[in-house]
C-alpha cells in the first residue's frame, strides 16, 4: 500500500471513529443519521479529490469511502436503531446490503464476466458472408487466464478477419515491456490469425513502441495512418492522434471500406468509409440503468460511448466496443452494468436472407 492511499485510509478511519461515537451517543434521535450521512459523504468525497493524484485515483478513493465506509455506517445505524425504529433499521440494512451487492458485482463479478455481442451489417459492397472479430482494450497489467479465454473464444468462432483497436497493456515501463512479451507469447500460443488478415492500431495505454506485442505474428500494425486492402475490403488504420481528430486522407476505393481507430472521435469528421470501428470508452465501465454511462472520456455523444452499433448519416456504421479490460493505474477496477465485450460483426451482401 502506498503512502497516499494509507493517508486517505487513516483520514477515513478517523472520520468513521468520530461518527461511531456520535451514533452511539445520540443515536436515539433520527435526525442525527441524516446529518451524519451528509457530513460523511462530503468528507470522503472532499478527501478523495484532495488526496487523489489524478481523477482516476480520486474515483478509486471515493469507491473505498462509499463501499467500505458507507456499508459500515449503514450496518452500524441498522444495529443502533433496531429496537426503537424497526422500519428505519430495516431501511438502513437494506441500503447496506445493496451497497455490498453493487460492490461485489462491480469489483468481483462483472470484470471477468465476458459478454459476446453480435451485430449484423448488410451492404451492396460486401461480396459474401464475412465474420469480423473486434478485440478492443485488452488493457491489462497482468496477462493471464481471462485474456487467454477471450482469445480462445475468438479463435473458436473462426473469424475471417480480426481487428485490435488498441490499448493492450497498461503498466509502469518495466512491467509494461514484460507484459507485452507475455501477451505476444499468448497470441502465439492461441494462434491468432485470420484468412483476411489481422489488423492492429495504437491505443492510449501504449508507448510509441507498441508493435512488439505482435512481433512475428501475421498482423498488420499501423504505426502511421494508412490504407491497405485484401480481396474483400479496404482497411484504414489510424494513429492515436488521427483517431481523435482526423487529418489523414485515405485514397479513394471501390471496395467496402473499413476504418479502425482507437478513439471514436474520428467518426465525427465524416471519414469516407462504410464501417468505422473503435474502442477506448470501455462503455464508461459504470452504467446506470435507463441512463447509460456516467462518463466515457470521449468527444462523441455519451450514449454512443456506452458502446454499440451506431447508424451514421450516409449509411455509415460505427461500432464502439466496450472492450475487454479496464482502466488500470490508480483507477478503480470496476465494471457495473457494463460487462467486458467481445464483438463479432457478421457482414452480408445487401438483401441476404437471415441465417
Protein backbone atom coordinates (compact mmCIF):
# COMPACT_ATOMS: atom_id res chain seq x y z
CA UNK A 1 0.00 0.00 0.00
CA UNK A 2 1.44 3.39 -0.97
CA UNK A 3 1.68 6.36 1.39
CA UNK A 4 -1.02 8.43 -0.31
CA UNK A 5 -3.64 5.71 -0.04
CA UNK A 6 -2.57 4.99 3.53
CA UNK A 7 -3.10 8.65 4.48
CA UNK A 8 -6.56 8.60 2.91
CA UNK A 9 -7.50 5.44 4.80
CA UNK A 10 -6.28 6.95 8.08
CA UNK A 11 -8.45 10.00 7.37
CA UNK A 12 -11.46 7.75 6.74
CA UNK A 13 -10.76 5.79 9.91
CA UNK A 14 -10.69 8.97 11.99
CA UNK A 15 -13.95 10.24 10.47
CA UNK A 16 -15.65 6.87 10.92
CA UNK A 17 -14.48 6.69 14.53
CA UNK A 18 -15.92 10.12 15.31
CA UNK A 19 -19.22 9.25 13.62
CA UNK A 20 -19.36 5.94 15.50
CA UNK A 21 -19.07 7.78 18.83
CA UNK A 22 -21.78 10.27 17.79
CA UNK A 23 -24.16 7.49 16.71
CA UNK A 24 -23.70 5.64 19.97
CA UNK A 25 -24.26 8.79 21.98
CA UNK A 26 -27.06 10.49 20.01
CA UNK A 27 -28.50 7.57 18.01
CA UNK A 28 -31.89 7.80 19.69
CA UNK A 29 -32.61 10.89 17.58
CA UNK A 30 -33.44 10.06 13.99
CA UNK A 31 -32.28 13.35 12.50
CA UNK A 32 -28.71 12.59 13.57
CA UNK A 33 -28.44 9.86 10.91
CA UNK A 34 -29.27 12.21 8.03
CA UNK A 35 -26.85 14.82 9.35
CA UNK A 36 -24.04 12.33 9.81
CA UNK A 37 -24.66 10.72 6.39
CA UNK A 38 -24.37 14.14 4.74
CA UNK A 39 -21.26 15.00 6.75
CA UNK A 40 -19.57 11.69 5.94
CA UNK A 41 -20.41 11.94 2.23
CA UNK A 42 -18.93 15.43 2.00
CA UNK A 43 -15.88 14.38 4.00
CA UNK A 44 -14.91 11.30 1.98
CA UNK A 45 -15.61 12.99 -1.36
CA UNK A 46 -13.57 16.04 -0.38
CA UNK A 47 -10.72 13.84 0.84
CA UNK A 48 -10.83 11.74 -2.34
CA UNK A 49 -10.10 14.76 -4.50
CA UNK A 50 -7.59 16.20 -2.04
CA UNK A 51 -5.54 13.01 -1.76
CA UNK A 52 -6.14 11.67 -5.27
CA UNK A 53 -3.19 12.02 -7.64
CA UNK A 54 -5.44 12.14 -10.69
CA UNK A 55 -9.13 11.81 -11.48
CA UNK A 56 -8.91 8.01 -11.50
CA UNK A 57 -7.18 7.91 -8.13
CA UNK A 58 -9.90 10.17 -6.73
CA UNK A 59 -12.54 7.82 -8.12
CA UNK A 60 -10.80 4.84 -6.54
CA UNK A 61 -10.67 6.54 -3.15
CA UNK A 62 -14.31 7.58 -3.45
CA UNK A 63 -15.23 3.93 -4.09
CA UNK A 64 -13.41 2.92 -0.90
CA UNK A 65 -15.26 5.60 1.02
CA UNK A 66 -18.62 4.61 -0.42
CA UNK A 67 -18.49 0.82 -0.42
CA UNK A 68 -16.25 0.38 2.62
CA UNK A 69 -17.11 3.20 4.99
CA UNK A 70 -20.66 3.61 3.71
CA UNK A 71 -21.54 -0.05 4.27
CA UNK A 72 -20.04 0.04 7.77
CA UNK A 73 -22.04 3.12 8.78
CA UNK A 74 -25.29 1.72 7.41
CA UNK A 75 -24.85 -1.55 9.30
CA UNK A 76 -23.95 0.36 12.47
CA UNK A 77 -27.04 2.54 12.04
CA UNK A 78 -29.24 -0.52 11.47
CA UNK A 79 -27.97 -2.11 14.69
CA UNK A 80 -28.36 1.12 16.70
CA UNK A 81 -31.98 1.69 15.61
CA UNK A 82 -33.27 -1.89 15.58
CA UNK A 83 -35.03 -1.74 18.98
CA UNK A 84 -36.54 1.75 18.72
CA UNK A 85 -37.10 2.26 14.97
CA UNK A 86 -37.58 -1.13 13.33
CA UNK A 87 -38.65 0.20 9.90
CA UNK A 88 -35.74 2.63 9.82
CA UNK A 89 -33.37 -0.13 10.88
CA UNK A 90 -34.64 -2.35 8.05
CA UNK A 91 -34.14 0.55 5.63
CA UNK A 92 -30.53 1.02 6.74
CA UNK A 93 -29.86 -2.70 6.50
CA UNK A 94 -31.39 -2.84 3.02
CA UNK A 95 -29.17 0.02 1.85
CA UNK A 96 -26.12 -1.70 3.31
CA UNK A 97 -26.94 -4.95 1.53
CA UNK A 98 -27.50 -3.04 -1.71
CA UNK A 99 -24.05 -1.40 -1.41
CA UNK A 100 -22.46 -4.77 -0.70
CA UNK A 101 -24.24 -6.32 -3.70
CA UNK A 102 -23.14 -3.50 -6.01
CA UNK A 103 -19.58 -3.66 -4.72
CA UNK A 104 -19.30 -7.43 -5.16
CA UNK A 105 -20.78 -7.24 -8.66
CA UNK A 106 -18.68 -4.27 -9.75
CA UNK A 107 -15.33 -5.37 -8.32
CA UNK A 108 -15.51 -9.17 -8.38
CA UNK A 109 -18.11 -10.44 -10.86
CA UNK A 110 -18.53 -8.22 -13.91
CA UNK A 111 -14.84 -7.55 -14.69
CA UNK A 112 -14.40 -11.23 -15.56
CA UNK A 113 -17.88 -11.91 -16.99
CA UNK A 114 -17.40 -11.75 -20.75
CA UNK A 115 -20.31 -10.83 -22.99
CA UNK A 116 -20.26 -11.85 -26.65
CA UNK A 117 -22.15 -9.40 -28.86
CA UNK A 118 -23.06 -9.92 -32.50
CA UNK A 119 -24.05 -7.24 -34.97
CA UNK A 120 -25.41 -7.92 -38.45
CA UNK A 121 -24.43 -5.48 -41.20
CA UNK A 122 -25.60 -5.57 -44.83
CA UNK A 123 -24.19 -3.56 -47.72
CA UNK A 124 -24.10 -3.96 -51.52
CA UNK A 125 -20.29 -3.71 -51.47
CA UNK A 126 -19.88 -6.72 -49.19
CA UNK A 127 -19.06 -9.63 -51.55
CA UNK A 128 -20.06 -12.55 -49.32
CA UNK A 129 -20.78 -13.51 -45.74
CA UNK A 130 -17.79 -12.44 -43.62
CA UNK A 131 -17.24 -12.54 -39.88
CA UNK A 132 -15.03 -9.91 -38.21
CA UNK A 133 -13.90 -10.16 -34.59
CA UNK A 134 -13.25 -6.94 -32.68
CA UNK A 135 -10.93 -7.37 -29.67
CA UNK A 136 -10.66 -3.93 -28.14
CA UNK A 137 -8.97 -2.65 -25.00
CA UNK A 138 -7.42 -5.78 -23.54
CA UNK A 139 -5.86 -3.15 -21.26
CA UNK A 140 -4.37 -5.31 -18.55
CA UNK A 141 -1.34 -5.06 -16.28
CA UNK A 142 -1.18 -8.82 -15.79
CA UNK A 143 -1.88 -11.04 -18.80
CA UNK A 144 -3.49 -14.25 -17.63
CA UNK A 145 -6.33 -16.72 -17.85
CA UNK A 146 -9.05 -14.18 -18.67
CA UNK A 147 -7.20 -12.77 -21.66
CA UNK A 148 -6.40 -16.30 -22.83
CA UNK A 149 -10.08 -17.28 -22.61
CA UNK A 150 -11.06 -14.25 -24.71
CA UNK A 151 -8.54 -15.07 -27.42
CA UNK A 152 -9.52 -18.74 -27.46
CA UNK A 153 -13.21 -17.77 -27.65
CA UNK A 154 -12.37 -15.57 -30.60
CA UNK A 155 -10.48 -18.25 -32.50
CA UNK A 156 -13.21 -20.82 -31.78
CA UNK A 157 -15.51 -18.68 -33.96
CA UNK A 158 -13.07 -18.95 -36.89
CA UNK A 159 -13.40 -15.28 -37.87
CA UNK A 160 -12.46 -14.22 -41.40
CA UNK A 161 -10.79 -11.08 -40.06
CA UNK A 162 -9.70 -9.76 -36.66
CA UNK A 163 -9.35 -6.15 -35.53
CA UNK A 164 -7.46 -4.87 -32.48
CA UNK A 165 -8.33 -1.15 -31.96
CA UNK A 166 -5.62 -0.52 -29.35
CA UNK A 167 -4.95 -0.48 -25.59
CA UNK A 168 -3.13 -3.72 -24.89
CA UNK A 169 -1.00 -3.27 -21.75
CA UNK A 170 -1.29 -0.51 -19.15
CA UNK A 171 1.55 -0.69 -16.64
CA UNK A 172 4.69 1.11 -15.49
CA UNK A 173 7.50 0.97 -18.11
CA UNK A 174 9.50 -2.05 -16.80
CA UNK A 175 6.35 -4.10 -16.19
CA UNK A 176 4.78 -2.94 -19.44
CA UNK A 177 7.63 -4.31 -21.52
CA UNK A 178 7.50 -7.63 -19.67
CA UNK A 179 3.71 -7.90 -20.06
CA UNK A 180 3.96 -7.06 -23.76
CA UNK A 181 6.22 -10.09 -24.12
CA UNK A 182 3.76 -12.25 -22.17
CA UNK A 183 0.89 -11.09 -24.40
CA UNK A 184 2.95 -11.77 -27.51
CA UNK A 185 3.62 -15.31 -26.27
CA UNK A 186 -0.08 -15.80 -25.58
CA UNK A 187 -1.04 -14.60 -29.07
CA UNK A 188 1.42 -17.15 -30.49
CA UNK A 189 0.11 -19.90 -28.21
CA UNK A 190 -3.52 -19.31 -29.22
CA UNK A 191 -2.54 -18.97 -32.87
CA UNK A 192 -4.20 -15.64 -33.58
CA UNK A 193 -4.66 -15.33 -37.33
CA UNK A 194 -7.43 -14.92 -39.89
CA UNK A 195 -7.82 -15.57 -43.65
CA UNK A 196 -8.49 -11.89 -44.46
CA UNK A 197 -5.90 -10.62 -42.01
CA UNK A 198 -5.44 -9.29 -38.51
CA UNK A 199 -5.15 -5.51 -38.08
CA UNK A 200 -3.98 -3.52 -35.06
CA UNK A 201 -3.77 0.14 -34.10
CA UNK A 202 -2.26 2.01 -31.17
CA UNK A 203 -4.25 2.92 -28.05
CA UNK A 204 -3.80 5.40 -25.22
CA UNK A 205 -2.07 2.98 -22.87
CA UNK A 206 0.82 2.14 -25.22
CA UNK A 207 4.12 3.92 -25.50
CA UNK A 208 5.23 4.75 -29.03
CA UNK A 209 6.95 1.35 -29.27
CA UNK A 210 3.86 -0.87 -29.06
CA UNK A 211 4.28 -3.16 -32.06
CA UNK A 212 6.38 -5.80 -30.18
CA UNK A 213 3.02 -7.08 -28.89
CA UNK A 214 2.53 -8.51 -32.39
CA UNK A 215 6.15 -9.45 -33.15
CA UNK A 216 6.47 -12.36 -35.57
CA UNK A 217 2.69 -12.70 -35.92
CA UNK A 218 0.59 -12.39 -39.10
CA UNK A 219 -0.70 -8.97 -38.01
CA UNK A 220 -0.73 -5.68 -39.92
CA UNK A 221 0.20 -2.92 -37.46
CA UNK A 222 -0.48 0.72 -38.31
CA UNK A 223 2.41 2.72 -36.84
CA UNK A 224 1.26 5.59 -39.02
CA UNK A 225 -2.16 6.12 -40.55
CA UNK A 226 -2.53 4.22 -43.77
CA UNK A 227 -4.78 2.16 -46.01
CA UNK A 228 -4.29 -1.43 -47.11
CA UNK A 229 -6.60 -3.85 -48.87
CA UNK A 230 -7.39 -7.53 -49.11
CA UNK A 231 -9.60 -9.44 -51.52
CA UNK A 232 -12.79 -8.05 -49.94
CA UNK A 233 -12.09 -4.76 -48.16
CA UNK A 234 -10.03 -1.63 -47.94
CA UNK A 235 -8.84 -1.19 -44.35
CA UNK A 236 -7.67 2.13 -42.99
CA UNK A 237 -5.83 2.06 -39.68
CA UNK A 238 -5.36 5.29 -37.74
CA UNK A 239 -2.76 6.60 -35.35
CA UNK A 240 -3.97 7.59 -31.90
CA UNK A 241 -3.97 11.27 -32.85
CA UNK A 242 -5.90 10.67 -36.06
CA UNK A 243 -8.48 8.61 -34.17
CA UNK A 244 -9.17 11.69 -32.03
CA UNK A 245 -9.03 14.35 -34.73
CA UNK A 246 -8.82 13.01 -38.25
CA UNK A 247 -6.20 14.56 -40.53
CA UNK A 248 -5.34 11.53 -42.64
CA UNK A 249 -6.79 11.48 -46.16
CA UNK A 250 -7.45 7.95 -47.37
CA UNK A 251 -7.25 7.09 -51.08
CA UNK A 252 -10.48 6.54 -52.94
CA UNK A 253 -11.59 2.94 -53.30
CA UNK A 254 -14.48 0.98 -54.74
CA UNK A 255 -14.12 -1.68 -52.05
CA UNK A 256 -16.14 -1.81 -48.86
CA UNK A 257 -14.06 0.50 -46.68
CA UNK A 258 -13.39 -0.28 -43.00
CA UNK A 259 -11.76 2.31 -40.74
CA UNK A 260 -10.12 1.31 -37.45
CA UNK A 261 -9.06 3.78 -34.77
CA UNK A 262 -8.73 3.58 -31.03
CA UNK A 263 -10.81 6.62 -30.12
CA UNK A 264 -14.22 7.03 -31.74
CA UNK A 265 -13.82 10.79 -32.23
CA UNK A 266 -12.72 10.36 -35.85
CA UNK A 267 -16.28 9.31 -36.68
CA UNK A 268 -17.36 12.93 -36.18
CA UNK A 269 -15.05 14.01 -39.03
CA UNK A 270 -17.10 12.09 -41.62
CA UNK A 271 -14.41 9.77 -43.00
CA UNK A 272 -15.22 8.37 -46.46
CA UNK A 273 -15.83 4.80 -45.37
CA UNK A 274 -18.60 2.30 -44.77
CA UNK A 275 -17.76 0.78 -41.38
CA UNK A 276 -15.92 2.55 -38.56
CA UNK A 277 -14.56 0.52 -35.63
CA UNK A 278 -13.21 1.84 -32.33
CA UNK A 279 -12.91 1.19 -28.62
CA UNK A 280 -11.43 3.45 -25.91
CA UNK A 281 -14.56 4.24 -23.88
CA UNK A 282 -14.88 0.87 -22.08
CA UNK A 283 -18.60 1.62 -22.25
CA UNK A 284 -17.96 4.00 -19.37
CA UNK A 285 -17.23 0.95 -17.14
CA UNK A 286 -20.13 2.08 -14.94
CA UNK A 287 -23.59 2.36 -16.47
CA UNK A 288 -26.81 3.33 -14.74
CA UNK A 289 -29.99 1.58 -15.92
CA UNK A 290 -32.13 3.83 -18.18
CA UNK A 291 -29.34 6.46 -18.18
CA UNK A 292 -26.30 4.74 -19.59
CA UNK A 293 -22.65 5.55 -18.94
CA UNK A 294 -21.84 8.22 -16.38
CA UNK A 295 -18.65 9.32 -18.17
CA UNK A 296 -16.82 7.99 -21.23
CA UNK A 297 -13.85 10.37 -21.62
CA UNK A 298 -14.68 10.75 -25.28
CA UNK A 299 -15.84 13.58 -27.53
CA UNK A 300 -18.63 11.51 -29.09
CA UNK A 301 -22.12 11.69 -27.55
CA UNK A 302 -22.30 9.99 -24.15
CA UNK A 303 -24.80 7.37 -25.30
CA UNK A 304 -22.53 6.39 -28.19
CA UNK A 305 -19.69 5.95 -25.73
CA UNK A 306 -21.70 3.29 -23.93
CA UNK A 307 -20.92 1.01 -26.85
CA UNK A 308 -22.95 -0.44 -29.66
CA UNK A 309 -23.70 -0.23 -33.36
CA UNK A 310 -24.49 3.37 -34.28
CA UNK A 311 -26.11 4.42 -37.54
CA UNK A 312 -24.39 7.49 -39.01
CA UNK A 313 -25.53 9.79 -41.83
CA UNK A 314 -24.95 8.47 -45.32
CA UNK A 315 -25.43 4.86 -44.33
CA UNK A 316 -22.16 4.57 -42.42
CA UNK A 317 -21.98 2.28 -39.40
CA UNK A 318 -19.95 3.00 -36.27
CA UNK A 319 -19.10 0.16 -33.88
CA UNK A 320 -17.80 1.14 -30.44
CA UNK A 321 -16.71 -1.81 -28.33
CA UNK A 322 -16.91 -1.74 -24.53
CA UNK A 323 -13.61 -3.58 -24.56
CA UNK A 324 -12.16 -6.50 -22.65
CA UNK A 325 -10.15 -4.86 -19.88
CA UNK A 326 -10.44 -1.86 -17.60
CA UNK A 327 -8.65 1.35 -16.76
CA UNK A 328 -5.59 0.47 -14.68
CA UNK A 329 -3.09 2.63 -12.85
CA UNK A 330 -4.80 4.36 -9.93
CA UNK A 331 -8.31 3.73 -11.29
CA UNK A 332 -10.88 1.54 -9.53
CA UNK A 333 -11.01 -1.90 -11.17
CA UNK A 334 -14.76 -1.96 -11.64
CA UNK A 335 -17.49 -2.63 -14.17
CA UNK A 336 -21.16 -2.20 -13.37
CA UNK A 337 -23.95 -2.93 -15.86
CA UNK A 338 -21.09 -2.83 -18.35
CA UNK A 339 -19.57 -6.26 -18.86
CA UNK A 340 -16.40 -6.76 -20.91
CA UNK A 341 -17.37 -7.25 -24.52
CA UNK A 342 -16.12 -9.36 -27.40
CA UNK A 343 -17.74 -8.17 -30.63
CA UNK A 344 -18.42 -10.20 -33.76
CA UNK A 345 -19.59 -8.40 -36.89
CA UNK A 346 -21.49 -10.59 -39.34
CA UNK A 347 -21.27 -8.87 -42.71
CA UNK A 348 -23.60 -9.83 -45.56
CA UNK A 349 -24.30 -8.63 -49.10
CA UNK A 350 -27.37 -6.40 -49.23
CA UNK A 351 -30.60 -8.38 -49.26
CA UNK A 352 -29.06 -11.57 -47.91
CA UNK A 353 -31.56 -13.71 -46.07
CA UNK A 354 -31.45 -14.25 -42.33
CA UNK A 355 -29.41 -17.20 -41.13
